[in-house]
Amino acid sequence: MTLSGQTVAVLGGTAGIGLETARLARAEGADVIVAARNADRLREVARELDAEAVAFDVTDFDRLRRFFEERPEPIDHLLLTGPGPYYAPLADFDPAEARADVESHLLLPIMIAKHAVGRVRGSLLFMGGTGGRRTAPGLSLIGALTSAMPALTKNLALEVAPLRVNLIAAGFVDTPLSATLLGDQLQARREELRATLPVRRVIGPDDVAALALHLMANTALTGGTYDIDGGQQLI
């Protein structure tokens, strides 16, 4: 299975999992489109990968529609990366931030699937996580969204078939987003995971990128949720 000669679009492709997926797809011979809001960073990535760059905010649904409508040729595969979870105990719960999180985790995948029909011919791939499967103060919203995303993936896979739809559910991944969330606790978290995970190492964005490319290339896979956490849930 190969992506050589196919077109892969990565929405959120300038850092972390999105960037590594774009790099790996390019190394396999795919034509790559990277999209993000930061135009300066986007130009750097496009030069590095010899990729097409499209600067826009994917949560602007009108602009998202035009992204698909203005494509001169169909896209083969599309990956949407995530902004990360919104954690907040009820005392600090911000409804504006919560609405944005619901939009990015649920409404955005729905709108992408809507506009992808007839314009994407292989697969759609969304990013979720495993952290919201546990219960704790502050996880009410992300717990609900974590439960909803696999159901959304299954239903979209039926509605847009034969276009395939899959979901990656990642545990801790050592990315710039993780560094931002953890701050000075990052190194301690890495050491804890190396000592306790069954795989005895920290999961990196290249690990997730390898799974993403397999899900794009394997035409037997649709409607599924694929965990990648180094066995974190087992402990």
C-alpha atoms as a PDB file:
ATOM      1  CA  MET A   1       0.000   0.000   0.000  1.00  0.00           C
ATOM      2  CA  THR A   2       1.421   3.351  -1.019  1.00  0.00           C
ATOM      3  CA  LEU A   3       0.387   6.984  -1.300  1.00  0.00           C
ATOM      4  CA  SER A   4       2.736   7.691  -4.186  1.00  0.00           C
ATOM      5  CA  GLY A   5       1.094   9.961  -6.726  1.00  0.00           C
ATOM      6  CA  GLN A   6      -1.873  10.733  -4.471  1.00  0.00           C
ATOM      7  CA  THR A   7      -2.787  14.066  -2.891  1.00  0.00           C
ATOM      8  CA  VAL A   8      -2.862  14.375   0.895  1.00  0.00           C
ATOM      9  CA  ALA A   9      -4.270  17.467   2.631  1.00  0.00           C
ATOM     10  CA  VAL A  10      -3.391  18.168   6.251  1.00  0.00           C
ATOM     11  CA  LEU A  11      -5.512  20.784   8.013  1.00  0.00           C
ATOM     12  CA  GLY A  12      -3.312  21.905  10.878  1.00  0.00           C
ATOM     13  CA  GLY A  13      -0.095  20.780   9.233  1.00  0.00           C
ATOM     14  CA  THR A  14       2.548  23.132  10.618  1.00  0.00           C
ATOM     15  CA  ALA A  15       3.443  21.388  13.893  1.00  0.00           C
ATOM     16  CA  GLY A  16       3.228  18.142  15.814  1.00  0.00           C
ATOM     17  CA  ILE A  17       1.185  15.279  14.389  1.00  0.00           C
ATOM     18  CA  GLY A  18       0.008  17.229  11.349  1.00  0.00           C
ATOM     19  CA  LEU A  19       3.528  18.237  10.340  1.00  0.00           C
ATOM     20  CA  GLU A  20       4.913  14.713  10.780  1.00  0.00           C
ATOM     21  CA  THR A  21       2.052  13.276   8.744  1.00  0.00           C
ATOM     22  CA  ALA A  22       2.734  15.774   5.964  1.00  0.00           C
ATOM     23  CA  ARG A  23       6.447  14.917   6.048  1.00  0.00           C
ATOM     24  CA  LEU A  24       5.838  11.187   5.912  1.00  0.00           C
ATOM     25  CA  ALA A  25       3.270  11.490   3.129  1.00  0.00           C
ATOM     26  CA  ARG A  26       5.717  13.595   1.107  1.00  0.00           C
ATOM     27  CA  ALA A  27       8.479  11.041   1.714  1.00  0.00           C
ATOM     28  CA  GLU A  28       6.177   8.352   0.313  1.00  0.00           C
ATOM     29  CA  GLY A  29       5.718  10.321  -2.890  1.00  0.00           C
ATOM     30  CA  ALA A  30       2.395  12.039  -2.212  1.00  0.00           C
ATOM     31  CA  ASP A  31       1.597  15.582  -3.235  1.00  0.00           C
ATOM     32  CA  VAL A  32       0.880  17.469  -0.013  1.00  0.00           C
ATOM     33  CA  ILE A  33      -1.381  20.387   0.836  1.00  0.00           C
ATOM     34  CA  VAL A  34      -0.859  21.984   4.255  1.00  0.00           C
ATOM     35  CA  ALA A  35      -3.370  24.414   5.727  1.00  0.00           C
ATOM     36  CA  ALA A  36      -3.138  26.510   8.886  1.00  0.00           C
ATOM     37  CA  ARG A  37      -3.796  30.017  10.200  1.00  0.00           C
ATOM     38  CA  ASN A  38      -0.182  31.096  10.738  1.00  0.00           C
ATOM     39  CA  ALA A  39       0.862  32.217   7.257  1.00  0.00           C
ATOM     40  CA  ASP A  40       4.544  32.726   8.151  1.00  0.00           C
ATOM     41  CA  ARG A  41       4.945  29.277   9.666  1.00  0.00           C
ATOM     42  CA  LEU A  42       2.940  27.820   6.795  1.00  0.00           C
ATOM     43  CA  ARG A  43       5.372  29.232   4.237  1.00  0.00           C
ATOM     44  CA  GLU A  44       8.310  27.672   6.105  1.00  0.00           C
ATOM     45  CA  VAL A  45       6.673  24.243   6.113  1.00  0.00           C
ATOM     46  CA  ALA A  46       5.660  24.527   2.459  1.00  0.00           C
ATOM     47  CA  ARG A  47       9.255  25.310   1.482  1.00  0.00           C
ATOM     48  CA  GLU A  48      10.608  22.438   3.566  1.00  0.00           C
ATOM     49  CA  LEU A  49       8.197  19.886   2.104  1.00  0.00           C
ATOM     50  CA  ASP A  50       7.787  21.337  -1.380  1.00  0.00           C
ATOM     51  CA  ALA A  51       4.085  21.411  -0.554  1.00  0.00           C
ATOM     52  CA  GLU A  52       1.134  23.611  -1.429  1.00  0.00           C
ATOM     53  CA  ALA A  53       0.206  26.040   1.346  1.00  0.00           C
ATOM     54  CA  VAL A  54      -3.286  27.384   2.041  1.00  0.00           C
ATOM     55  CA  ALA A  55      -3.582  29.900   4.878  1.00  0.00           C
ATOM     56  CA  PHE A  56      -7.015  30.012   6.505  1.00  0.00           C
ATOM     57  CA  ASP A  57      -8.899  29.270   9.720  1.00  0.00           C
ATOM     58  CA  VAL A  58     -10.656  25.918   9.346  1.00  0.00           C
ATOM     59  CA  THR A  59     -13.268  26.924  11.917  1.00  0.00           C
ATOM     60  CA  ASP A  60     -14.471  29.583   9.479  1.00  0.00           C
ATOM     61  CA  PHE A  61     -17.009  27.308   7.827  1.00  0.00           C
ATOM     62  CA  ASP A  62     -17.609  29.576   4.835  1.00  0.00           C
ATOM     63  CA  ARG A  63     -13.876  29.677   4.105  1.00  0.00           C
ATOM     64  CA  LEU A  64     -13.700  25.916   4.633  1.00  0.00           C
ATOM     65  CA  ARG A  65     -16.396  25.417   1.991  1.00  0.00           C
ATOM     66  CA  ARG A  66     -14.439  27.547  -0.463  1.00  0.00           C
ATOM     67  CA  PHE A  67     -11.275  25.544   0.239  1.00  0.00           C
ATOM     68  CA  PHE A  68     -13.002  22.476  -1.166  1.00  0.00           C
ATOM     69  CA  GLU A  69     -14.884  24.234  -3.961  1.00  0.00           C
ATOM     70  CA  GLU A  70     -11.774  25.994  -5.289  1.00  0.00           C
ATOM     71  CA  ARG A  71      -9.684  22.830  -5.603  1.00  0.00           C
ATOM     72  CA  PRO A  72      -8.882  22.243  -9.301  1.00  0.00           C
ATOM     73  CA  GLU A  73      -8.412  18.498  -8.715  1.00  0.00           C
ATOM     74  CA  PRO A  74      -9.823  16.034  -6.158  1.00  0.00           C
ATOM     75  CA  ILE A  75      -7.976  15.344  -2.914  1.00  0.00           C
ATOM     76  CA  ASP A  76      -7.271  11.696  -2.100  1.00  0.00           C
ATOM     77  CA  HIS A  77      -6.925  11.876   1.677  1.00  0.00           C
ATOM     78  CA  LEU A  78      -7.494  14.545   4.321  1.00  0.00           C
ATOM     79  CA  LEU A  79      -6.306  14.679   7.935  1.00  0.00           C
ATOM     80  CA  LEU A  80      -7.810  17.128  10.412  1.00  0.00           C
ATOM     81  CA  THR A  81      -5.673  17.606  13.507  1.00  0.00           C
ATOM     82  CA  GLY A  82      -7.139  18.795  16.782  1.00  0.00           C
ATOM     83  CA  PRO A  83      -6.632  21.885  18.952  1.00  0.00           C
ATOM     84  CA  GLY A  84      -6.299  19.826  22.126  1.00  0.00           C
ATOM     85  CA  PRO A  85      -8.848  19.312  24.905  1.00  0.00           C
ATOM     86  CA  TYR A  86     -10.520  21.958  27.033  1.00  0.00           C
ATOM     87  CA  TYR A  87     -10.198  21.021  30.696  1.00  0.00           C
ATOM     88  CA  ALA A  88     -12.061  23.051  33.319  1.00  0.00           C
ATOM     89  CA  PRO A  89     -13.773  22.337  36.635  1.00  0.00           C
ATOM     90  CA  LEU A  90     -17.312  23.661  36.845  1.00  0.00           C
ATOM     91  CA  ALA A  91     -16.248  26.624  38.961  1.00  0.00           C
ATOM     92  CA  ASP A  92     -14.024  27.844  36.113  1.00  0.00           C
ATOM     93  CA  PHE A  93     -16.105  26.635  33.167  1.00  0.00           C
ATOM     94  CA  ASP A  94     -16.126  29.145  30.293  1.00  0.00           C
ATOM     95  CA  PRO A  95     -19.063  28.612  27.906  1.00  0.00           C
ATOM     96  CA  ALA A  96     -17.346  30.486  25.077  1.00  0.00           C
ATOM     97  CA  GLU A  97     -14.316  28.202  25.223  1.00  0.00           C
ATOM     98  CA  ALA A  98     -16.623  25.199  25.555  1.00  0.00           C
ATOM     99  CA  ARG A  99     -18.576  26.177  22.420  1.00  0.00           C
ATOM    100  CA  ALA A 100     -15.332  26.510  20.485  1.00  0.00           C
ATOM    101  CA  ASP A 101     -14.308  23.045  21.657  1.00  0.00           C
ATOM    102  CA  VAL A 102     -17.622  21.528  20.572  1.00  0.00           C
ATOM    103  CA  GLU A 103     -17.232  23.218  17.192  1.00  0.00           C
ATOM    104  CA  SER A 104     -13.710  21.892  16.644  1.00  0.00           C
ATOM    105  CA  HIS A 105     -14.416  18.338  17.817  1.00  0.00           C
ATOM    106  CA  LEU A 106     -17.898  17.751  16.361  1.00  0.00           C
ATOM    107  CA  LEU A 107     -19.200  20.447  14.012  1.00  0.00           C
ATOM    108  CA  LEU A 108     -15.947  20.851  12.103  1.00  0.00           C
ATOM    109  CA  PRO A 109     -15.657  17.140  11.185  1.00  0.00           C
ATOM    110  CA  ILE A 110     -19.302  17.198  10.100  1.00  0.00           C
ATOM    111  CA  MET A 111     -18.735  20.221   7.864  1.00  0.00           C
ATOM    112  CA  ILE A 112     -15.588  18.680   6.400  1.00  0.00           C
ATOM    113  CA  ALA A 113     -17.482  15.493   5.585  1.00  0.00           C
ATOM    114  CA  LYS A 114     -20.302  17.516   4.008  1.00  0.00           C
ATOM    115  CA  HIS A 115     -17.984  19.439   1.691  1.00  0.00           C
ATOM    116  CA  ALA A 116     -15.717  16.450   0.980  1.00  0.00           C
ATOM    117  CA  VAL A 117     -18.394  14.512  -0.882  1.00  0.00           C
ATOM    118  CA  GLY A 118     -17.405  14.513  -4.531  1.00  0.00           C
ATOM    119  CA  ARG A 119     -14.157  16.356  -3.756  1.00  0.00           C
ATOM    120  CA  VAL A 120     -12.234  13.798  -1.666  1.00  0.00           C
ATOM    121  CA  ARG A 121     -12.068  10.317  -3.149  1.00  0.00           C
ATOM    122  CA  GLY A 122     -10.149   8.241  -0.610  1.00  0.00           C
ATOM    123  CA  SER A 123     -10.448   8.940   3.103  1.00  0.00           C
ATOM    124  CA  LEU A 124     -11.083  11.447   5.870  1.00  0.00           C
ATOM    125  CA  LEU A 125      -9.129  11.094   9.086  1.00  0.00           C
ATOM    126  CA  PHE A 126      -9.926  12.909  12.328  1.00  0.00           C
ATOM    127  CA  MET A 127      -7.919  13.224  15.547  1.00  0.00           C
ATOM    128  CA  GLY A 128      -9.308  12.498  18.999  1.00  0.00           C
ATOM    129  CA  GLY A 129      -7.872  11.304  22.281  1.00  0.00           C
ATOM    130  CA  THR A 130      -8.126   8.722  25.037  1.00  0.00           C
ATOM    131  CA  GLY A 131      -7.720  10.983  28.079  1.00  0.00           C
ATOM    132  CA  GLY A 132     -11.410  11.847  28.217  1.00  0.00           C
ATOM    133  CA  ARG A 133     -12.364   8.200  28.767  1.00  0.00           C
ATOM    134  CA  ARG A 134     -11.512   8.474  32.433  1.00  0.00           C
ATOM    135  CA  THR A 135     -13.611  10.392  34.934  1.00  0.00           C
ATOM    136  CA  ALA A 136     -12.311  13.272  37.025  1.00  0.00           C
ATOM    137  CA  PRO A 137     -13.254  16.837  37.936  1.00  0.00           C
ATOM    138  CA  GLY A 138     -12.722  19.062  34.930  1.00  0.00           C
ATOM    139  CA  LEU A 139     -13.279  16.338  32.323  1.00  0.00           C
ATOM    140  CA  SER A 140     -17.042  16.687  31.853  1.00  0.00           C
ATOM    141  CA  LEU A 141     -16.899  18.331  28.443  1.00  0.00           C
ATOM    142  CA  ILE A 142     -13.954  16.453  26.998  1.00  0.00           C
ATOM    143  CA  GLY A 143     -15.422  13.213  28.348  1.00  0.00           C
ATOM    144  CA  ALA A 144     -18.660  13.855  26.460  1.00  0.00           C
ATOM    145  CA  LEU A 145     -16.805  14.796  23.267  1.00  0.00           C
ATOM    146  CA  THR A 146     -14.515  11.770  23.542  1.00  0.00           C
ATOM    147  CA  SER A 147     -17.569   9.510  23.680  1.00  0.00           C
ATOM    148  CA  ALA A 148     -19.262  11.316  20.808  1.00  0.00           C
ATOM    149  CA  MET A 149     -16.445  11.228  18.270  1.00  0.00           C
ATOM    150  CA  PRO A 150     -16.422   7.444  17.609  1.00  0.00           C
ATOM    151  CA  ALA A 151     -20.204   7.523  17.089  1.00  0.00           C
ATOM    152  CA  LEU A 152     -19.821  10.475  14.745  1.00  0.00           C
ATOM    153  CA  THR A 153     -17.110   8.642  12.800  1.00  0.00           C
ATOM    154  CA  LYS A 154     -19.266   5.547  12.327  1.00  0.00           C
ATOM    155  CA  ASN A 155     -22.251   7.516  11.095  1.00  0.00           C
ATOM    156  CA  LEU A 156     -20.227   9.684   8.735  1.00  0.00           C
ATOM    157  CA  ALA A 157     -18.574   6.569   7.289  1.00  0.00           C
ATOM    158  CA  LEU A 158     -22.017   5.321   6.263  1.00  0.00           C
ATOM    159  CA  GLU A 159     -23.326   8.653   5.048  1.00  0.00           C
ATOM    160  CA  VAL A 160     -20.396   9.586   2.791  1.00  0.00           C
ATOM    161  CA  ALA A 161     -19.457   6.077   1.584  1.00  0.00           C
ATOM    162  CA  PRO A 162     -17.533   5.003  -0.429  1.00  0.00           C
ATOM    163  CA  LEU A 163     -15.397   7.810   1.005  1.00  0.00           C
ATOM    164  CA  ARG A 164     -13.818   6.267   4.092  1.00  0.00           C
ATOM    165  CA  VAL A 165     -13.849   7.950   7.537  1.00  0.00           C
ATOM    166  CA  ASN A 166     -11.657   6.978  10.498  1.00  0.00           C
ATOM    167  CA  LEU A 167     -10.651   8.389  13.881  1.00  0.00           C
ATOM    168  CA  ILE A 168      -7.280   8.253  15.651  1.00  0.00           C
ATOM    169  CA  ALA A 169      -7.538   8.358  19.453  1.00  0.00           C
ATOM    170  CA  ALA A 170      -4.131   9.280  20.847  1.00  0.00           C
ATOM    171  CA  GLY A 171      -2.886   9.161  24.401  1.00  0.00           C
ATOM    172  CA  PHE A 172      -0.042  11.413  25.459  1.00  0.00           C
ATOM    173  CA  VAL A 173       1.999  12.437  22.412  1.00  0.00           C
ATOM    174  CA  ASP A 174       5.204  14.439  22.833  1.00  0.00           C
ATOM    175  CA  THR A 175       4.299  17.481  20.730  1.00  0.00           C
ATOM    176  CA  PRO A 176       4.604  21.268  21.071  1.00  0.00           C
ATOM    177  CA  LEU A 177       0.952  21.294  22.183  1.00  0.00           C
ATOM    178  CA  SER A 178       1.791  18.901  25.034  1.00  0.00           C
ATOM    179  CA  ALA A 179       4.700  21.130  26.014  1.00  0.00           C
ATOM    180  CA  THR A 180       2.369  24.134  26.143  1.00  0.00           C
ATOM    181  CA  LEU A 181      -0.210  22.306  28.252  1.00  0.00           C
ATOM    182  CA  LEU A 182       2.276  20.819  30.736  1.00  0.00           C
ATOM    183  CA  GLY A 183       4.849  23.597  30.982  1.00  0.00           C
ATOM    184  CA  ASP A 184       7.577  22.772  33.487  1.00  0.00           C
ATOM    185  CA  GLN A 185       5.908  19.416  34.248  1.00  0.00           C
ATOM    186  CA  LEU A 186       6.724  18.059  30.776  1.00  0.00           C
ATOM    187  CA  GLN A 187       9.994  16.324  31.606  1.00  0.00           C
ATOM    188  CA  ALA A 188       8.538  14.644  34.678  1.00  0.00           C
ATOM    189  CA  ARG A 189       5.643  13.363  32.565  1.00  0.00           C
ATOM    190  CA  ARG A 190       8.054  11.950  29.987  1.00  0.00           C
ATOM    191  CA  GLU A 191      10.033  10.130  32.677  1.00  0.00           C
ATOM    192  CA  GLU A 192       6.856   8.755  34.251  1.00  0.00           C
ATOM    193  CA  LEU A 193       5.667   7.378  30.913  1.00  0.00           C
ATOM    194  CA  ARG A 194       9.040   5.806  30.064  1.00  0.00           C
ATOM    195  CA  ALA A 195       8.929   3.996  33.388  1.00  0.00           C
ATOM    196  CA  THR A 196       5.304   2.854  33.293  1.00  0.00           C
ATOM    197  CA  LEU A 197       4.124   2.388  29.702  1.00  0.00           C
ATOM    198  CA  PRO A 198       4.256  -1.208  28.438  1.00  0.00           C
ATOM    199  CA  VAL A 199       6.239  -0.001  25.405  1.00  0.00           C
ATOM    200  CA  ARG A 200       8.747   1.729  27.746  1.00  0.00           C
ATOM    201  CA  ARG A 201       8.987   4.884  25.659  1.00  0.00           C
ATOM    202  CA  VAL A 202       7.079   8.074  24.976  1.00  0.00           C
ATOM    203  CA  ILE A 203       4.831   8.180  21.913  1.00  0.00           C
ATOM    204  CA  GLY A 204       5.903  10.799  19.378  1.00  0.00           C
ATOM    205  CA  PRO A 205       4.153  12.500  16.473  1.00  0.00           C
ATOM    206  CA  ASP A 206       5.997  10.240  14.016  1.00  0.00           C
ATOM    207  CA  ASP A 207       4.271   7.221  15.604  1.00  0.00           C
ATOM    208  CA  VAL A 208       0.864   8.779  15.026  1.00  0.00           C
ATOM    209  CA  ALA A 209       1.832   9.840  11.502  1.00  0.00           C
ATOM    210  CA  ALA A 210       2.719   6.246  10.623  1.00  0.00           C
ATOM    211  CA  LEU A 211      -0.740   5.129  11.782  1.00  0.00           C
ATOM    212  CA  ALA A 212      -2.387   7.960   9.849  1.00  0.00           C
ATOM    213  CA  LEU A 213      -0.730   6.931   6.596  1.00  0.00           C
ATOM    214  CA  HIS A 214      -1.729   3.315   7.104  1.00  0.00           C
ATOM    215  CA  LEU A 215      -5.357   4.333   7.616  1.00  0.00           C
ATOM    216  CA  MET A 216      -5.203   6.402   4.442  1.00  0.00           C
ATOM    217  CA  ALA A 217      -3.690   3.629   2.352  1.00  0.00           C
ATOM    218  CA  ASN A 218      -5.623   0.623   3.661  1.00  0.00           C
ATOM    219  CA  THR A 219      -8.873   0.663   1.713  1.00  0.00           C
ATOM    220  CA  ALA A 220     -10.490  -1.952   3.984  1.00  0.00           C
ATOM    221  CA  LEU A 221     -10.697   0.405   6.972  1.00  0.00           C
ATOM    222  CA  THR A 222     -13.617   2.744   7.607  1.00  0.00           C
ATOM    223  CA  GLY A 223     -15.771   3.802  10.551  1.00  0.00           C
ATOM    224  CA  GLY A 224     -13.148   2.771  13.083  1.00  0.00           C
ATOM    225  CA  THR A 225     -11.464   4.357  16.084  1.00  0.00           C
ATOM    226  CA  TYR A 226      -7.791   3.459  16.411  1.00  0.00           C
ATOM    227  CA  ASP A 227      -6.050   3.951  19.755  1.00  0.00           C
ATOM    228  CA  ILE A 228      -2.379   4.820  19.909  1.00  0.00           C
ATOM    229  CA  ASP A 229      -1.125   5.338  23.446  1.00  0.00           C
ATOM    230  CA  GLY A 230       1.704   2.870  24.077  1.00  0.00           C
ATOM    231  CA  GLY A 231      -0.583   0.840  26.334  1.00  0.00           C
ATOM    232  CA  GLN A 232      -1.365   3.788  28.625  1.00  0.00           C
ATOM    233  CA  GLN A 233      -4.971   2.652  29.120  1.00  0.00           C
ATOM    234  CA  LEU A 234      -3.788  -0.724  30.364  1.00  0.00           C
ATOM    235  CA  ILE A 235      -2.216   0.778  33.468  1.00  0.00           C
END
